[in-house]
Amino acid sequence: PYHILFLLEYEGRYRAAIGYKEAAAGKTAFK
């Protein structure tokens, strides 16, 4: 239930991924 920054790793190289994440119902659920 929080925002996440993903660091994807494959064979020593990295790729960042992040979702544009908004509260869906209050602040406990996100879409």
PDB file of all heavy atoms in Angstrom:
ATOM      1  N   PRO A   1       0.804  -1.239   0.000  1.00  0.00           N
ATOM      2  CA  PRO A   1       0.000   0.000   0.000  1.00  0.00           C
ATOM      3  C   PRO A   1       0.831   1.280   0.000  1.00  0.00           C
ATOM      4  O   PRO A   1       0.465   2.264   0.635  1.00  0.00           O
ATOM      5  CB  PRO A   1      -0.811  -0.138   1.288  1.00  0.00           C
ATOM      6  CG  PRO A   1       0.095  -0.877   2.210  1.00  0.00           C
ATOM      7  CD  PRO A   1       0.848  -1.864   1.345  1.00  0.00           C
ATOM      8  N   TYR A   2       1.963   1.248  -0.677  1.00  0.00           N
ATOM      9  CA  TYR A   2       2.820   2.431  -0.783  1.00  0.00           C
ATOM     10  C   TYR A   2       3.315   2.547  -2.225  1.00  0.00           C
ATOM     11  O   TYR A   2       3.155   1.629  -3.026  1.00  0.00           O
ATOM     12  CB  TYR A   2       4.017   2.330   0.171  1.00  0.00           C
ATOM     13  CG  TYR A   2       3.631   2.260   1.628  1.00  0.00           C
ATOM     14  CD1 TYR A   2       3.758   1.081   2.346  1.00  0.00           C
ATOM     15  CD2 TYR A   2       3.128   3.380   2.276  1.00  0.00           C
ATOM     16  CE1 TYR A   2       3.378   1.008   3.682  1.00  0.00           C
ATOM     17  CE2 TYR A   2       2.752   3.328   3.617  1.00  0.00           C
ATOM     18  CZ  TYR A   2       2.879   2.137   4.314  1.00  0.00           C
ATOM     19  OH  TYR A   2       2.505   2.069   5.630  1.00  0.00           O
ATOM     20  N   HIS A   3       3.934   3.658  -2.532  1.00  0.00           N
ATOM     21  CA  HIS A   3       4.535   3.834  -3.859  1.00  0.00           C
ATOM     22  C   HIS A   3       5.848   3.053  -3.915  1.00  0.00           C
ATOM     23  O   HIS A   3       6.573   2.979  -2.920  1.00  0.00           O
ATOM     24  CB  HIS A   3       4.766   5.317  -4.137  1.00  0.00           C
ATOM     25  CG  HIS A   3       3.484   6.091  -4.237  1.00  0.00           C
ATOM     26  ND1 HIS A   3       2.723   6.417  -3.136  1.00  0.00           N
ATOM     27  CD2 HIS A   3       2.829   6.601  -5.322  1.00  0.00           C
ATOM     28  CE1 HIS A   3       1.649   7.091  -3.528  1.00  0.00           C
ATOM     29  NE2 HIS A   3       1.692   7.222  -4.845  1.00  0.00           N
ATOM     30  N   ILE A   4       6.136   2.483  -5.080  1.00  0.00           N
ATOM     31  CA  ILE A   4       7.300   1.604  -5.211  1.00  0.00           C
ATOM     32  C   ILE A   4       8.150   2.014  -6.407  1.00  0.00           C
ATOM     33  O   ILE A   4       7.643   2.226  -7.512  1.00  0.00           O
ATOM     34  CB  ILE A   4       6.874   0.131  -5.387  1.00  0.00           C
ATOM     35  CG1 ILE A   4       5.977  -0.317  -4.234  1.00  0.00           C
ATOM     36  CG2 ILE A   4       8.103  -0.772  -5.484  1.00  0.00           C
ATOM     37  CD1 ILE A   4       5.395  -1.711  -4.426  1.00  0.00           C
ATOM     38  N   LEU A   5       9.449   2.095  -6.165  1.00  0.00           N
ATOM     39  CA  LEU A   5      10.439   2.251  -7.227  1.00  0.00           C
ATOM     40  C   LEU A   5      11.099   0.894  -7.408  1.00  0.00           C
ATOM     41  O   LEU A   5      11.677   0.349  -6.468  1.00  0.00           O
ATOM     42  CB  LEU A   5      11.473   3.303  -6.845  1.00  0.00           C
ATOM     43  CG  LEU A   5      12.744   3.386  -7.709  1.00  0.00           C
ATOM     44  CD1 LEU A   5      12.405   3.715  -9.155  1.00  0.00           C
ATOM     45  CD2 LEU A   5      13.710   4.418  -7.139  1.00  0.00           C
ATOM     46  N   PHE A   6      10.985   0.326  -8.609  1.00  0.00           N
ATOM     47  CA  PHE A   6      11.561  -0.988  -8.891  1.00  0.00           C
ATOM     48  C   PHE A   6      12.919  -0.833  -9.567  1.00  0.00           C
ATOM     49  O   PHE A   6      13.070  -0.052 -10.519  1.00  0.00           O
ATOM     50  CB  PHE A   6      10.651  -1.791  -9.831  1.00  0.00           C
ATOM     51  CG  PHE A   6       9.323  -2.167  -9.237  1.00  0.00           C
ATOM     52  CD1 PHE A   6       8.194  -1.389  -9.484  1.00  0.00           C
ATOM     53  CD2 PHE A   6       9.188  -3.296  -8.445  1.00  0.00           C
ATOM     54  CE1 PHE A   6       6.965  -1.727  -8.948  1.00  0.00           C
ATOM     55  CE2 PHE A   6       7.958  -3.644  -7.905  1.00  0.00           C
ATOM     56  CZ  PHE A   6       6.842  -2.857  -8.158  1.00  0.00           C
ATOM     57  N   LEU A   7      13.894  -1.578  -9.084  1.00  0.00           N
ATOM     58  CA  LEU A   7      15.196  -1.693  -9.741  1.00  0.00           C
ATOM     59  C   LEU A   7      15.291  -3.118 -10.283  1.00  0.00           C
ATOM     60  O   LEU A   7      15.469  -4.068  -9.520  1.00  0.00           O
ATOM     61  CB  LEU A   7      16.330  -1.405  -8.754  1.00  0.00           C
ATOM     62  CG  LEU A   7      16.287  -0.056  -8.053  1.00  0.00           C
ATOM     63  CD1 LEU A   7      17.444   0.065  -7.069  1.00  0.00           C
ATOM     64  CD2 LEU A   7      16.327   1.091  -9.061  1.00  0.00           C
ATOM     65  N   LEU A   8      15.134  -3.269 -11.575  1.00  0.00           N
ATOM     66  CA  LEU A   8      15.189  -4.586 -12.203  1.00  0.00           C
ATOM     67  C   LEU A   8      16.639  -4.896 -12.548  1.00  0.00           C
ATOM     68  O   LEU A   8      17.326  -4.068 -13.148  1.00  0.00           O
ATOM     69  CB  LEU A   8      14.324  -4.612 -13.459  1.00  0.00           C
ATOM     70  CG  LEU A   8      12.884  -4.090 -13.299  1.00  0.00           C
ATOM     71  CD1 LEU A   8      12.135  -4.185 -14.612  1.00  0.00           C
ATOM     72  CD2 LEU A   8      12.151  -4.843 -12.200  1.00  0.00           C
ATOM     73  N   GLU A   9      17.107  -6.082 -12.161  1.00  0.00           N
ATOM     74  CA  GLU A   9      18.504  -6.464 -12.411  1.00  0.00           C
ATOM     75  C   GLU A   9      18.554  -7.732 -13.243  1.00  0.00           C
ATOM     76  O   GLU A   9      17.824  -8.688 -13.001  1.00  0.00           O
ATOM     77  CB  GLU A   9      19.223  -6.689 -11.077  1.00  0.00           C
ATOM     78  CG  GLU A   9      20.723  -6.983 -11.210  1.00  0.00           C
ATOM     79  CD  GLU A   9      21.047  -8.465 -11.484  1.00  0.00           C
ATOM     80  OE1 GLU A   9      20.172  -9.323 -11.198  1.00  0.00           O
ATOM     81  OE2 GLU A   9      22.145  -8.749 -11.974  1.00  0.00           O
ATOM     82  N   TYR A  10      19.412  -7.707 -14.255  1.00  0.00           N
ATOM     83  CA  TYR A  10      19.649  -8.913 -15.063  1.00  0.00           C
ATOM     84  C   TYR A  10      21.095  -8.911 -15.530  1.00  0.00           C
ATOM     85  O   TYR A  10      21.526  -7.969 -16.214  1.00  0.00           O
ATOM     86  CB  TYR A  10      18.704  -8.972 -16.262  1.00  0.00           C
ATOM     87  CG  TYR A  10      18.948 -10.192 -17.129  1.00  0.00           C
ATOM     88  CD1 TYR A  10      18.672 -11.471 -16.645  1.00  0.00           C
ATOM     89  CD2 TYR A  10      19.475 -10.062 -18.416  1.00  0.00           C
ATOM     90  CE1 TYR A  10      18.909 -12.596 -17.430  1.00  0.00           C
ATOM     91  CE2 TYR A  10      19.714 -11.179 -19.199  1.00  0.00           C
ATOM     92  CZ  TYR A  10      19.433 -12.448 -18.696  1.00  0.00           C
ATOM     93  OH  TYR A  10      19.684 -13.561 -19.464  1.00  0.00           O
ATOM     94  N   GLU A  11      21.828  -9.910 -15.123  1.00  0.00           N
ATOM     95  CA  GLU A  11      23.232 -10.081 -15.508  1.00  0.00           C
ATOM     96  C   GLU A  11      24.062  -8.821 -15.276  1.00  0.00           C
ATOM     97  O   GLU A  11      24.848  -8.397 -16.133  1.00  0.00           O
ATOM     98  CB  GLU A  11      23.330 -10.546 -16.968  1.00  0.00           C
ATOM     99  CG  GLU A  11      22.743 -11.941 -17.183  1.00  0.00           C
ATOM    100  CD  GLU A  11      22.996 -12.478 -18.584  1.00  0.00           C
ATOM    101  OE1 GLU A  11      23.345 -11.677 -19.481  1.00  0.00           O
ATOM    102  OE2 GLU A  11      22.839 -13.695 -18.769  1.00  0.00           O
ATOM    103  N   GLY A  12      23.871  -8.198 -14.115  1.00  0.00           N
ATOM    104  CA  GLY A  12      24.696  -7.064 -13.733  1.00  0.00           C
ATOM    105  C   GLY A  12      24.281  -5.712 -14.284  1.00  0.00           C
ATOM    106  O   GLY A  12      24.895  -4.694 -13.968  1.00  0.00           O
ATOM    107  N   ARG A  13      23.238  -5.690 -15.114  1.00  0.00           N
ATOM    108  CA  ARG A  13      22.728  -4.421 -15.634  1.00  0.00           C
ATOM    109  C   ARG A  13      21.375  -4.129 -14.986  1.00  0.00           C
ATOM    110  O   ARG A  13      20.679  -5.047 -14.548  1.00  0.00           O
ATOM    111  CB  ARG A  13      22.600  -4.464 -17.161  1.00  0.00           C
ATOM    112  CG  ARG A  13      23.967  -4.460 -17.844  1.00  0.00           C
ATOM    113  CD  ARG A  13      23.852  -4.786 -19.321  1.00  0.00           C
ATOM    114  NE  ARG A  13      23.161  -3.755 -20.077  1.00  0.00           N
ATOM    115  CZ  ARG A  13      23.728  -2.640 -20.538  1.00  0.00           C
ATOM    116  NH1 ARG A  13      25.004  -2.398 -20.306  1.00  0.00           N
ATOM    117  NH2 ARG A  13      23.046  -1.769 -21.248  1.00  0.00           N
ATOM    118  N   TYR A  14      21.033  -2.851 -14.957  1.00  0.00           N
ATOM    119  CA  TYR A  14      19.833  -2.438 -14.233  1.00  0.00           C
ATOM    120  C   TYR A  14      18.897  -1.611 -15.107  1.00  0.00           C
ATOM    121  O   TYR A  14      19.310  -0.910 -16.020  1.00  0.00           O
ATOM    122  CB  TYR A  14      20.219  -1.609 -13.004  1.00  0.00           C
ATOM    123  CG  TYR A  14      20.860  -2.413 -11.904  1.00  0.00           C
ATOM    124  CD1 TYR A  14      22.231  -2.652 -11.927  1.00  0.00           C
ATOM    125  CD2 TYR A  14      20.098  -2.947 -10.870  1.00  0.00           C
ATOM    126  CE1 TYR A  14      22.835  -3.401 -10.914  1.00  0.00           C
ATOM    127  CE2 TYR A  14      20.694  -3.694  -9.857  1.00  0.00           C
ATOM    128  CZ  TYR A  14      22.054  -3.910  -9.885  1.00  0.00           C
ATOM    129  OH  TYR A  14      22.647  -4.660  -8.893  1.00  0.00           O
ATOM    130  N   ARG A  15      17.619  -1.723 -14.740  1.00  0.00           N
ATOM    131  CA  ARG A  15      16.581  -0.931 -15.387  1.00  0.00           C
ATOM    132  C   ARG A  15      15.612  -0.475 -14.294  1.00  0.00           C
ATOM    133  O   ARG A  15      15.153  -1.296 -13.494  1.00  0.00           O
ATOM    134  CB  ARG A  15      15.838  -1.794 -16.407  1.00  0.00           C
ATOM    135  CG  ARG A  15      14.821  -1.054 -17.239  1.00  0.00           C
ATOM    136  CD  ARG A  15      14.075  -2.014 -18.153  1.00  0.00           C
ATOM    137  NE  ARG A  15      13.426  -1.295 -19.231  1.00  0.00           N
ATOM    138  CZ  ARG A  15      12.504  -1.820 -20.034  1.00  0.00           C
ATOM    139  NH1 ARG A  15      12.134  -3.081 -19.864  1.00  0.00           N
ATOM    140  NH2 ARG A  15      11.956  -1.090 -20.981  1.00  0.00           N
ATOM    141  N   ALA A  16      15.314   0.819 -14.240  1.00  0.00           N
ATOM    142  CA  ALA A  16      14.355   1.312 -13.253  1.00  0.00           C
ATOM    143  C   ALA A  16      12.952   1.254 -13.846  1.00  0.00           C
ATOM    144  O   ALA A  16      12.755   1.453 -15.053  1.00  0.00           O
ATOM    145  CB  ALA A  16      14.688   2.741 -12.850  1.00  0.00           C
ATOM    146  N   ALA A  17      11.982   0.961 -12.989  1.00  0.00           N
ATOM    147  CA  ALA A  17      10.579   0.959 -13.400  1.00  0.00           C
ATOM    148  C   ALA A  17       9.764   1.577 -12.273  1.00  0.00           C
ATOM    149  O   ALA A  17      10.044   1.346 -11.093  1.00  0.00           O
ATOM    150  CB  ALA A  17      10.100  -0.458 -13.693  1.00  0.00           C
ATOM    151  N   ILE A  18       8.767   2.355 -12.643  1.00  0.00           N
ATOM    152  CA  ILE A  18       7.891   2.953 -11.635  1.00  0.00           C
ATOM    153  C   ILE A  18       6.513   3.134 -12.239  1.00  0.00           C
ATOM    154  O   ILE A  18       6.364   3.445 -13.420  1.00  0.00           O
ATOM    155  CB  ILE A  18       8.457   4.302 -11.141  1.00  0.00           C
ATOM    156  CG1 ILE A  18       7.780   4.733  -9.840  1.00  0.00           C
ATOM    157  CG2 ILE A  18       8.364   5.383 -12.202  1.00  0.00           C
ATOM    158  CD1 ILE A  18       8.496   5.862  -9.118  1.00  0.00           C
ATOM    159  N   GLY A  19       5.497   2.898 -11.415  1.00  0.00           N
ATOM    160  CA  GLY A  19       4.135   3.089 -11.874  1.00  0.00           C
ATOM    161  C   GLY A  19       3.605   4.443 -11.452  1.00  0.00           C
ATOM    162  O   GLY A  19       3.933   4.934 -10.366  1.00  0.00           O
ATOM    163  N   TYR A  20       2.788   5.057 -12.311  1.00  0.00           N
ATOM    164  CA  TYR A  20       2.070   6.245 -11.880  1.00  0.00           C
ATOM    165  C   TYR A  20       0.899   5.727 -11.059  1.00  0.00           C
ATOM    166  O   TYR A  20      -0.062   5.182 -11.590  1.00  0.00           O
ATOM    167  CB  TYR A  20       1.599   7.083 -13.074  1.00  0.00           C
ATOM    168  CG  TYR A  20       0.743   8.250 -12.628  1.00  0.00           C
ATOM    169  CD1 TYR A  20       1.276   9.235 -11.805  1.00  0.00           C
ATOM    170  CD2 TYR A  20      -0.599   8.334 -12.980  1.00  0.00           C
ATOM    171  CE1 TYR A  20       0.500  10.285 -11.354  1.00  0.00           C
ATOM    172  CE2 TYR A  20      -1.386   9.391 -12.539  1.00  0.00           C
ATOM    173  CZ  TYR A  20      -0.829  10.353 -11.723  1.00  0.00           C
ATOM    174  OH  TYR A  20      -1.609  11.387 -11.258  1.00  0.00           O
ATOM    175  N   LYS A  21       0.999   5.894  -9.756  1.00  0.00           N
ATOM    176  CA  LYS A  21       0.113   5.230  -8.808  1.00  0.00           C
ATOM    177  C   LYS A  21      -0.723   6.273  -8.075  1.00  0.00           C
ATOM    178  O   LYS A  21      -0.172   7.216  -7.502  1.00  0.00           O
ATOM    179  CB  LYS A  21       0.977   4.436  -7.814  1.00  0.00           C
ATOM    180  CG  LYS A  21       0.272   3.384  -6.989  1.00  0.00           C
ATOM    181  CD  LYS A  21       1.315   2.547  -6.240  1.00  0.00           C
ATOM    182  CE  LYS A  21       0.687   1.395  -5.488  1.00  0.00           C
ATOM    183  NZ  LYS A  21       1.679   0.559  -4.792  1.00  0.00           N
ATOM    184  N   GLU A  22      -2.055   6.099  -8.089  1.00  0.00           N
ATOM    185  CA  GLU A  22      -2.948   7.037  -7.434  1.00  0.00           C
ATOM    186  C   GLU A  22      -3.799   6.312  -6.405  1.00  0.00           C
ATOM    187  O   GLU A  22      -4.101   5.128  -6.548  1.00  0.00           O
ATOM    188  CB  GLU A  22      -3.888   7.695  -8.449  1.00  0.00           C
ATOM    189  CG  GLU A  22      -3.222   8.637  -9.418  1.00  0.00           C
ATOM    190  CD  GLU A  22      -4.249   9.297 -10.323  1.00  0.00           C
ATOM    191  OE1 GLU A  22      -5.104   8.567 -10.868  1.00  0.00           O
ATOM    192  OE2 GLU A  22      -4.215  10.517 -10.464  1.00  0.00           O
ATOM    193  N   ALA A  23      -4.205   7.050  -5.363  1.00  0.00           N
ATOM    194  CA  ALA A  23      -5.109   6.478  -4.359  1.00  0.00           C
ATOM    195  C   ALA A  23      -6.445   6.169  -5.029  1.00  0.00           C
ATOM    196  O   ALA A  23      -7.020   7.002  -5.721  1.00  0.00           O
ATOM    197  CB  ALA A  23      -5.285   7.445  -3.211  1.00  0.00           C
ATOM    198  N   ALA A  24      -6.933   4.944  -4.830  1.00  0.00           N
ATOM    199  CA  ALA A  24      -8.201   4.529  -5.436  1.00  0.00           C
ATOM    200  C   ALA A  24      -9.364   4.694  -4.469  1.00  0.00           C
ATOM    201  O   ALA A  24     -10.462   5.054  -4.838  1.00  0.00           O
ATOM    202  CB  ALA A  24      -8.114   3.082  -5.903  1.00  0.00           C
ATOM    203  N   ALA A  25      -9.125   4.405  -3.201  1.00  0.00           N
ATOM    204  CA  ALA A  25     -10.179   4.523  -2.186  1.00  0.00           C
ATOM    205  C   ALA A  25      -9.506   4.876  -0.878  1.00  0.00           C
ATOM    206  O   ALA A  25      -8.932   4.023  -0.222  1.00  0.00           O
ATOM    207  CB  ALA A  25     -10.958   3.213  -2.062  1.00  0.00           C
ATOM    208  N   GLY A  26      -9.570   6.150  -0.509  1.00  0.00           N
ATOM    209  CA  GLY A  26      -8.812   6.566   0.664  1.00  0.00           C
ATOM    210  C   GLY A  26      -7.328   6.499   0.351  1.00  0.00           C
ATOM    211  O   GLY A  26      -6.905   6.704  -0.769  1.00  0.00           O
ATOM    212  N   LYS A  27      -6.521   6.168   1.349  1.00  0.00           N
ATOM    213  CA  LYS A  27      -5.082   6.090   1.141  1.00  0.00           C
ATOM    214  C   LYS A  27      -4.541   4.687   1.412  1.00  0.00           C
ATOM    215  O   LYS A  27      -3.357   4.488   1.572  1.00  0.00           O
ATOM    216  CB  LYS A  27      -4.367   7.112   2.022  1.00  0.00           C
ATOM    217  CG  LYS A  27      -4.622   8.555   1.584  1.00  0.00           C
ATOM    218  CD  LYS A  27      -3.683   9.513   2.255  1.00  0.00           C
ATOM    219  CE  LYS A  27      -3.895  10.926   1.749  1.00  0.00           C
ATOM    220  NZ  LYS A  27      -2.983  11.889   2.378  1.00  0.00           N
ATOM    221  N   THR A  28      -5.436   3.713   1.457  1.00  0.00           N
ATOM    222  CA  THR A  28      -4.995   2.343   1.706  1.00  0.00           C
ATOM    223  C   THR A  28      -5.036   1.490   0.446  1.00  0.00           C
ATOM    224  O   THR A  28      -4.532   0.378   0.439  1.00  0.00           O
ATOM    225  CB  THR A  28      -5.865   1.684   2.793  1.00  0.00           C
ATOM    226  OG1 THR A  28      -7.242   1.727   2.366  1.00  0.00           O
ATOM    227  CG2 THR A  28      -5.735   2.425   4.114  1.00  0.00           C
ATOM    228  N   ALA A  29      -5.665   1.985  -0.596  1.00  0.00           N
ATOM    229  CA  ALA A  29      -5.731   1.238  -1.853  1.00  0.00           C
ATOM    230  C   ALA A  29      -5.265   2.138  -2.994  1.00  0.00           C
ATOM    231  O   ALA A  29      -5.534   3.330  -2.998  1.00  0.00           O
ATOM    232  CB  ALA A  29      -7.152   0.754  -2.112  1.00  0.00           C
ATOM    233  N   PHE A  30      -4.551   1.542  -3.949  1.00  0.00           N
ATOM    234  CA  PHE A  30      -4.015   2.305  -5.065  1.00  0.00           C
ATOM    235  C   PHE A  30      -4.348   1.629  -6.381  1.00  0.00           C
ATOM    236  O   PHE A  30      -4.564   0.424  -6.448  1.00  0.00           O
ATOM    237  CB  PHE A  30      -2.489   2.424  -4.963  1.00  0.00           C
ATOM    238  CG  PHE A  30      -2.011   3.311  -3.853  1.00  0.00           C
ATOM    239  CD1 PHE A  30      -1.781   2.796  -2.591  1.00  0.00           C
ATOM    240  CD2 PHE A  30      -1.778   4.655  -4.076  1.00  0.00           C
ATOM    241  CE1 PHE A  30      -1.329   3.607  -1.564  1.00  0.00           C
ATOM    242  CE2 PHE A  30      -1.330   5.477  -3.060  1.00  0.00           C
ATOM    243  CZ  PHE A  30      -1.104   4.952  -1.805  1.00  0.00           C
ATOM    244  N   LYS A  31      -4.380   2.437  -7.418  1.00  0.00           N
ATOM    245  CA  LYS A  31      -4.466   1.883  -8.772  1.00  0.00           C
ATOM    246  C   LYS A  31      -3.280   2.431  -9.564  1.00  0.00           C
ATOM    247  O   LYS A  31      -2.905   3.591  -9.414  1.00  0.00           O
ATOM    248  CB  LYS A  31      -5.784   2.244  -9.446  1.00  0.00           C
ATOM    249  CG  LYS A  31      -6.025   3.738  -9.639  1.00  0.00           C
ATOM    250  CD  LYS A  31      -7.404   3.973 -10.220  1.00  0.00           C
ATOM    251  CE  LYS A  31      -7.686   5.472 -10.387  1.00  0.00           C
ATOM    252  NZ  LYS A  31      -7.000   6.076 -11.506  1.00  0.00           N
TER     253      LYS A  31
END
